Amino acid sequence: MLSKLSPALVSLIIAGLLIFLVLFRFLPRGAGKPITLLLALAIAFVVFRLVFNLPGNWIKYLWLGIGLLCVAALIVYFLALSGSDLLYQNTRESFNPQYDDPVLTELYGAFHRGKVGKWKKLLQSHPDRLHHKQFLDDILRDVVEDSKSNERKLEALKYMLDAGAKIDSSLCHNFTQIAYTGKVDFTELLLQHGADPNCASSPGSKTPLFDIIGGLRNEEKIIEVLVRHGADVNAKIYLEQFKENLTPLLFAAYLGYWRCCKAFLENGADLNYKNKDGISVKDYLLQMAKNPDNLEYYKTPDFLQLIEQIKQY
């Protein structure tokens, strides 16, 4: 048996090294290291390598290998859906603000680790820290850096806002980033406590409805929440990239984010707004659907659904 395993192990090592080199050659930095995929491919190789070296009734080993691969594929699929750090590695440096005030340091540590009880006690003992703008901005950035919403941090932030902490335009950047990362619950909480859905980090810059286009997840829900709290779905911003004034809908159409287009329409976007060439958003999209050079768009279900939606207007 050892003589049969040794060639397989040697082949496995060689195959593993090749797969490793290929993945790291073509995947950009920060895209994550798909270790699970590497292991799955290696397992597949060794299973089939052993199958062809096993005498007699080897069919059962084949089915066993296929079954194991199916289980591995399901695990990888659910890890990918959850955005788990087991599958995607965050290569950014961890945010770790420094404070001269030991109370703020302790508060930030409690928030970062989700220790809600300690957080509440510290704020009760030091209510003046509720109004420290830089500290509030820092914990919003901590929320941004999480791969998904954290219920304990949501509870802690709600407690702080309910106790009197104020949200103003100086926090626009991290508020927008929270929306961009698809954290619907945090976005709504901040809007309920005074965040401006039409804020801009600087005069003339994009509002949140522009910035969340192409976000990490939940764009449709984020758009609905922002508009429900007063975001101007037909706001116009001049963008140097396009040399014209764009609405969020036209901007999303230019960039090809069809689900965002659908969400903007469902929330009152103006299809008749005209671009610098005098073409309405509606006609622009319908022309794209008819253009033979753009037939690949018909392979995208989101685009087809958008065109059908537009035809109803």
Protein backbone atom coordinates (compact mmCIF):
# COMPACT_ATOMS: atom_id res chain seq x y z
CA MET A 1 0.00 0.00 0.00
CA LEU A 2 2.89 2.34 0.83
CA SER A 3 4.26 1.92 -2.65
CA LYS A 4 0.90 3.05 -4.01
CA LEU A 5 0.59 6.02 -1.69
CA SER A 6 4.08 7.44 -2.22
CA PRO A 7 3.62 8.37 -5.91
CA ALA A 8 0.28 9.94 -5.03
CA LEU A 9 1.79 12.03 -2.25
CA VAL A 10 4.61 13.21 -4.50
CA SER A 11 2.10 14.11 -7.21
CA LEU A 12 -0.06 15.88 -4.61
CA ILE A 13 2.85 18.05 -3.46
CA ILE A 14 3.73 19.00 -7.03
CA ALA A 15 0.09 19.73 -7.92
CA GLY A 16 -0.37 21.75 -4.74
CA LEU A 17 2.66 23.91 -5.49
CA LEU A 18 1.47 24.53 -9.05
CA ILE A 19 -2.03 25.48 -7.90
CA PHE A 20 -0.56 27.73 -5.22
CA LEU A 21 1.62 29.54 -7.77
CA VAL A 22 -1.24 29.92 -10.27
CA LEU A 23 -3.61 31.39 -7.65
CA PHE A 24 -1.04 33.86 -6.39
CA ARG A 25 -0.03 34.82 -9.91
CA PHE A 26 -3.52 35.76 -11.08
CA LEU A 27 -5.33 36.88 -7.91
CA PRO A 28 -4.78 40.55 -6.96
CA ARG A 29 -3.47 41.41 -3.54
CA GLY A 30 -6.24 41.82 -1.00
CA ALA A 31 -8.65 39.61 -2.95
CA GLY A 32 -8.19 36.90 -0.33
CA LYS A 33 -6.31 33.63 -0.32
CA PRO A 34 -8.73 30.87 -1.30
CA ILE A 35 -7.06 28.21 0.83
CA THR A 36 -10.23 26.16 0.83
CA LEU A 37 -10.21 26.02 -2.96
CA LEU A 38 -6.56 24.96 -2.92
CA LEU A 39 -7.32 22.15 -0.50
CA ALA A 40 -10.38 21.04 -2.47
CA LEU A 41 -8.37 20.79 -5.68
CA ALA A 42 -5.60 18.94 -3.89
CA ILE A 43 -8.10 16.49 -2.38
CA ALA A 44 -9.68 15.93 -5.78
CA PHE A 45 -6.28 15.16 -7.27
CA VAL A 46 -5.25 12.67 -4.58
CA VAL A 47 -8.64 10.92 -4.64
CA PHE A 48 -8.47 10.26 -8.35
CA ARG A 49 -4.75 9.46 -8.14
CA LEU A 50 -5.49 6.77 -5.57
CA VAL A 51 -8.51 5.45 -7.47
CA PHE A 52 -6.39 4.44 -10.42
CA ASN A 53 -3.91 2.68 -8.12
CA LEU A 54 -6.45 0.73 -6.09
CA PRO A 55 -7.05 -2.88 -7.13
CA GLY A 56 -10.37 -4.67 -7.29
CA ASN A 57 -13.60 -2.90 -6.36
CA TRP A 58 -12.49 0.74 -6.47
CA ILE A 59 -15.90 2.20 -7.35
CA LYS A 60 -16.79 2.70 -3.69
CA TYR A 61 -13.65 4.82 -3.27
CA LEU A 62 -14.65 6.93 -6.25
CA TRP A 63 -18.09 7.61 -4.78
CA LEU A 64 -16.53 8.37 -1.41
CA GLY A 65 -14.22 10.92 -3.05
CA ILE A 66 -17.09 12.55 -4.94
CA GLY A 67 -19.14 12.74 -1.75
CA LEU A 68 -16.29 14.40 0.14
CA LEU A 69 -15.81 16.92 -2.65
CA CYS A 70 -19.51 17.80 -2.64
CA VAL A 71 -19.38 18.43 1.12
CA ALA A 72 -16.26 20.58 0.67
CA ALA A 73 -17.96 22.54 -2.13
CA LEU A 74 -21.00 23.24 0.08
CA ILE A 75 -18.77 24.44 2.92
CA VAL A 76 -16.90 26.78 0.58
CA TYR A 77 -20.20 28.08 -0.86
CA PHE A 78 -21.67 28.94 2.55
CA LEU A 79 -18.40 30.49 3.72
CA ALA A 80 -18.38 32.67 0.60
CA LEU A 81 -21.99 33.76 1.20
CA SER A 82 -21.20 34.72 4.78
CA GLY A 83 -18.03 36.61 3.83
CA SER A 84 -16.15 34.52 6.39
CA ASP A 85 -12.56 35.43 7.18
CA LEU A 86 -11.79 31.71 6.84
CA LEU A 87 -12.18 32.16 3.09
CA TYR A 88 -11.33 35.82 2.59
CA GLN A 89 -8.34 37.24 4.37
CA ASN A 90 -8.36 40.94 5.22
CA THR A 91 -4.90 42.25 4.39
CA ARG A 92 -5.53 45.80 5.62
CA GLU A 93 -3.87 46.97 8.79
CA SER A 94 -6.23 46.87 11.74
CA PHE A 95 -7.51 50.29 12.83
CA ASN A 96 -6.25 51.04 16.33
CA PRO A 97 -6.75 54.67 17.42
CA GLN A 98 -4.59 56.09 20.20
CA TYR A 99 -6.00 58.34 22.93
CA ASP A 100 -4.38 60.38 25.69
CA ASP A 101 -7.55 59.75 27.68
CA PRO A 102 -7.49 56.24 29.28
CA VAL A 103 -11.29 56.22 29.51
CA LEU A 104 -11.61 56.60 25.73
CA THR A 105 -9.04 53.84 25.25
CA GLU A 106 -11.08 51.55 27.49
CA LEU A 107 -14.31 52.54 25.77
CA TYR A 108 -12.92 51.83 22.32
CA GLY A 109 -11.63 48.43 23.45
CA ALA A 110 -15.07 47.56 24.87
CA PHE A 111 -16.78 48.57 21.62
CA HIS A 112 -14.28 46.81 19.38
CA ARG A 113 -14.66 43.54 21.33
CA GLY A 114 -18.44 43.87 21.62
CA LYS A 115 -18.49 44.03 25.41
CA VAL A 116 -21.81 45.82 25.68
CA GLY A 117 -22.13 45.58 29.47
CA LYS A 118 -18.74 47.17 30.08
CA TRP A 119 -19.50 49.79 27.39
CA LYS A 120 -22.71 50.85 29.11
CA LYS A 121 -21.10 51.05 32.55
CA LEU A 122 -18.24 53.20 31.24
CA LEU A 123 -20.64 55.61 29.50
CA GLN A 124 -22.82 55.79 32.61
CA SER A 125 -19.75 56.65 34.69
CA HIS A 126 -18.36 59.12 32.12
CA PRO A 127 -21.34 60.67 30.26
CA ASP A 128 -19.18 63.55 28.99
CA ARG A 129 -17.46 61.11 26.60
CA LEU A 130 -20.74 60.85 24.68
CA HIS A 131 -19.95 64.15 22.97
CA HIS A 132 -16.40 63.35 21.85
CA LYS A 133 -16.72 63.71 18.04
CA GLN A 134 -13.43 62.06 17.13
CA PHE A 135 -14.24 59.07 19.30
CA LEU A 136 -17.65 58.66 17.65
CA ASP A 137 -15.98 58.88 14.24
CA ASP A 138 -13.47 56.23 15.32
CA ILE A 139 -16.11 53.71 16.36
CA LEU A 140 -17.96 54.29 13.08
CA ARG A 141 -14.74 53.45 11.26
CA ASP A 142 -14.49 50.31 13.38
CA VAL A 143 -17.96 49.36 12.13
CA VAL A 144 -16.85 49.99 8.53
CA GLU A 145 -13.94 47.57 8.87
CA ASP A 146 -16.14 44.66 9.94
CA SER A 147 -16.93 42.26 7.10
CA LYS A 148 -20.59 42.19 8.17
CA SER A 149 -22.88 43.76 10.76
CA ASN A 150 -22.09 42.99 14.39
CA GLU A 151 -25.20 42.85 16.59
CA ARG A 152 -23.30 43.66 19.78
CA LYS A 153 -21.72 46.73 18.24
CA LEU A 154 -25.13 47.76 16.91
CA GLU A 155 -26.55 47.55 20.43
CA ALA A 156 -23.61 49.51 21.84
CA LEU A 157 -23.89 52.27 19.24
CA LYS A 158 -27.66 52.50 19.76
CA TYR A 159 -27.13 52.91 23.49
CA MET A 160 -24.63 55.71 22.88
CA LEU A 161 -26.93 57.54 20.45
CA ASP A 162 -29.98 57.10 22.68
CA ALA A 163 -27.95 58.53 25.56
CA GLY A 164 -27.32 61.75 23.66
CA ALA A 165 -24.41 61.37 21.23
CA LYS A 166 -24.98 63.53 18.15
CA ILE A 167 -24.48 62.69 14.48
CA ASP A 168 -23.53 65.60 12.22
CA SER A 169 -22.01 66.27 8.80
CA SER A 170 -18.45 65.80 10.09
CA LEU A 171 -19.19 62.05 10.24
CA CYS A 172 -20.37 61.87 6.62
CA HIS A 173 -17.42 59.86 5.30
CA ASN A 174 -17.75 56.92 7.66
CA PHE A 175 -21.55 57.04 7.47
CA THR A 176 -21.27 56.69 3.70
CA GLN A 177 -18.75 53.87 4.04
CA ILE A 178 -21.09 52.00 6.39
CA ALA A 179 -23.79 52.29 3.72
CA TYR A 180 -21.33 51.24 1.00
CA THR A 181 -20.42 48.07 2.91
CA GLY A 182 -24.10 47.12 2.98
CA LYS A 183 -24.76 47.37 6.72
CA VAL A 184 -28.46 48.19 6.47
CA ASP A 185 -29.11 48.06 10.22
CA PHE A 186 -26.31 50.52 11.09
CA THR A 187 -27.27 52.80 8.19
CA GLU A 188 -30.87 52.99 9.38
CA LEU A 189 -29.84 53.51 13.01
CA LEU A 190 -27.63 56.46 12.08
CA LEU A 191 -30.35 57.98 9.90
CA GLN A 192 -32.85 57.65 12.75
CA HIS A 193 -30.46 59.63 14.96
CA GLY A 194 -29.81 62.51 12.60
CA ALA A 195 -27.38 61.39 9.90
CA ASP A 196 -27.91 63.46 6.75
CA PRO A 197 -28.85 61.19 3.79
CA ASN A 198 -27.73 63.98 1.43
CA CYS A 199 -24.43 64.75 3.14
CA ALA A 200 -21.20 65.28 1.21
CA SER A 201 -17.67 64.97 2.56
CA SER A 202 -16.76 68.20 0.78
CA PRO A 203 -18.63 70.83 -1.29
CA GLY A 204 -19.56 69.46 -4.71
CA SER A 205 -18.63 65.85 -3.87
CA LYS A 206 -20.96 62.89 -4.27
CA THR A 207 -23.80 62.21 -1.85
CA PRO A 208 -24.32 58.73 -0.34
CA LEU A 209 -26.70 57.64 -3.11
CA PHE A 210 -23.87 58.09 -5.60
CA ASP A 211 -21.20 56.53 -3.42
CA ILE A 212 -23.06 53.32 -2.61
CA ILE A 213 -23.44 52.39 -6.31
CA GLY A 214 -21.46 49.21 -6.79
CA GLY A 215 -21.29 48.66 -3.03
CA LEU A 216 -20.26 45.41 -1.40
CA ARG A 217 -23.79 44.12 -0.76
CA ASN A 218 -27.44 45.07 -0.15
CA GLU A 219 -27.38 48.07 -2.50
CA GLU A 220 -31.13 47.85 -3.15
CA LYS A 221 -31.98 47.89 0.58
CA ILE A 222 -29.52 50.71 1.26
CA ILE A 223 -31.06 52.82 -1.53
CA GLU A 224 -34.56 52.22 -0.16
CA VAL A 225 -33.49 53.18 3.39
CA LEU A 226 -31.68 56.33 2.26
CA VAL A 227 -34.59 57.53 0.11
CA ARG A 228 -37.11 56.74 2.85
CA HIS A 229 -35.12 59.00 5.18
CA GLY A 230 -34.99 61.87 2.71
CA ALA A 231 -32.17 61.20 0.25
CA ASP A 232 -32.74 63.06 -3.03
CA VAL A 233 -32.96 60.31 -5.62
CA ASN A 234 -32.77 62.90 -8.40
CA ALA A 235 -29.87 64.92 -7.01
CA LYS A 236 -27.50 66.25 -9.67
CA ILE A 237 -23.72 66.23 -9.30
CA TYR A 238 -21.18 67.36 -11.87
CA LEU A 239 -18.59 64.61 -12.39
CA GLU A 240 -15.40 65.49 -14.23
CA GLN A 241 -15.05 61.88 -15.40
CA PHE A 242 -18.14 62.27 -17.60
CA LYS A 243 -18.01 66.05 -18.10
CA GLU A 244 -21.70 66.45 -17.20
CA ASN A 245 -24.24 66.63 -14.43
CA LEU A 246 -25.46 63.17 -13.44
CA THR A 247 -28.28 61.82 -11.33
CA PRO A 248 -27.71 58.61 -9.34
CA LEU A 249 -29.75 56.68 -11.93
CA LEU A 250 -27.75 57.97 -14.90
CA PHE A 251 -24.48 57.38 -13.03
CA ALA A 252 -25.48 53.76 -12.29
CA ALA A 253 -26.53 53.27 -15.92
CA TYR A 254 -23.18 54.56 -17.20
CA LEU A 255 -21.33 52.21 -14.85
CA GLY A 256 -23.56 49.21 -15.62
CA TYR A 257 -24.94 48.56 -12.13
CA TRP A 258 -28.35 47.31 -13.20
CA ARG A 259 -29.68 46.30 -9.79
CA CYS A 260 -28.97 49.82 -8.54
CA CYS A 261 -30.81 51.22 -11.57
CA LYS A 262 -33.83 49.07 -10.73
CA ALA A 263 -33.76 50.20 -7.11
CA PHE A 264 -33.53 53.87 -8.08
CA LEU A 265 -36.53 53.48 -10.38
CA GLU A 266 -38.52 51.77 -7.65
CA ASN A 267 -37.75 54.72 -5.38
CA GLY A 268 -38.81 57.52 -7.71
CA ALA A 269 -35.83 58.23 -10.00
CA ASP A 270 -36.59 60.30 -13.09
CA LEU A 271 -36.25 58.20 -16.25
CA ASN A 272 -36.73 61.27 -18.42
CA TYR A 273 -33.65 63.13 -17.17
CA LYS A 274 -31.46 63.90 -20.18
CA ASN A 275 -27.70 63.59 -20.44
CA LYS A 276 -25.40 66.13 -22.13
CA ASP A 277 -26.32 64.69 -25.55
CA GLY A 278 -30.02 65.31 -24.95
CA ILE A 279 -30.84 61.60 -24.54
CA SER A 280 -33.07 60.57 -21.65
CA VAL A 281 -31.99 57.81 -19.30
CA LYS A 282 -34.88 55.71 -20.59
CA ASP A 283 -33.85 56.08 -24.24
CA TYR A 284 -30.19 55.54 -23.39
CA LEU A 285 -30.91 52.18 -21.79
CA LEU A 286 -33.36 51.08 -24.50
CA GLN A 287 -30.78 51.95 -27.16
CA MET A 288 -28.23 49.80 -25.35
CA ALA A 289 -30.65 46.88 -25.47
CA LYS A 290 -31.08 47.27 -29.26
CA ASN A 291 -27.43 47.91 -30.09
CA PRO A 292 -25.88 44.80 -31.72
CA ASP A 293 -22.53 45.76 -30.22
CA ASN A 294 -24.02 45.29 -26.76
CA LEU A 295 -25.62 41.87 -27.17
CA GLU A 296 -23.64 40.59 -24.20
CA TYR A 297 -25.95 42.60 -21.97
CA TYR A 298 -28.76 40.20 -22.87
CA LYS A 299 -26.85 37.49 -21.03
CA THR A 300 -27.32 39.43 -17.79
CA PRO A 301 -30.68 38.72 -16.11
CA ASP A 302 -30.49 41.98 -14.16
CA PHE A 303 -30.28 43.99 -17.39
CA LEU A 304 -33.19 42.11 -18.97
CA GLN A 305 -35.33 42.73 -15.88
CA LEU A 306 -34.36 46.41 -15.95
CA ILE A 307 -35.42 46.77 -19.58
CA GLU A 308 -38.78 45.14 -18.85
CA GLN A 309 -39.20 47.46 -15.88
CA ILE A 310 -38.42 50.51 -18.04
CA LYS A 311 -40.99 49.50 -20.62
CA GLN A 312 -43.69 49.87 -17.98
CA TYR A 313 -43.01 53.64 -17.74
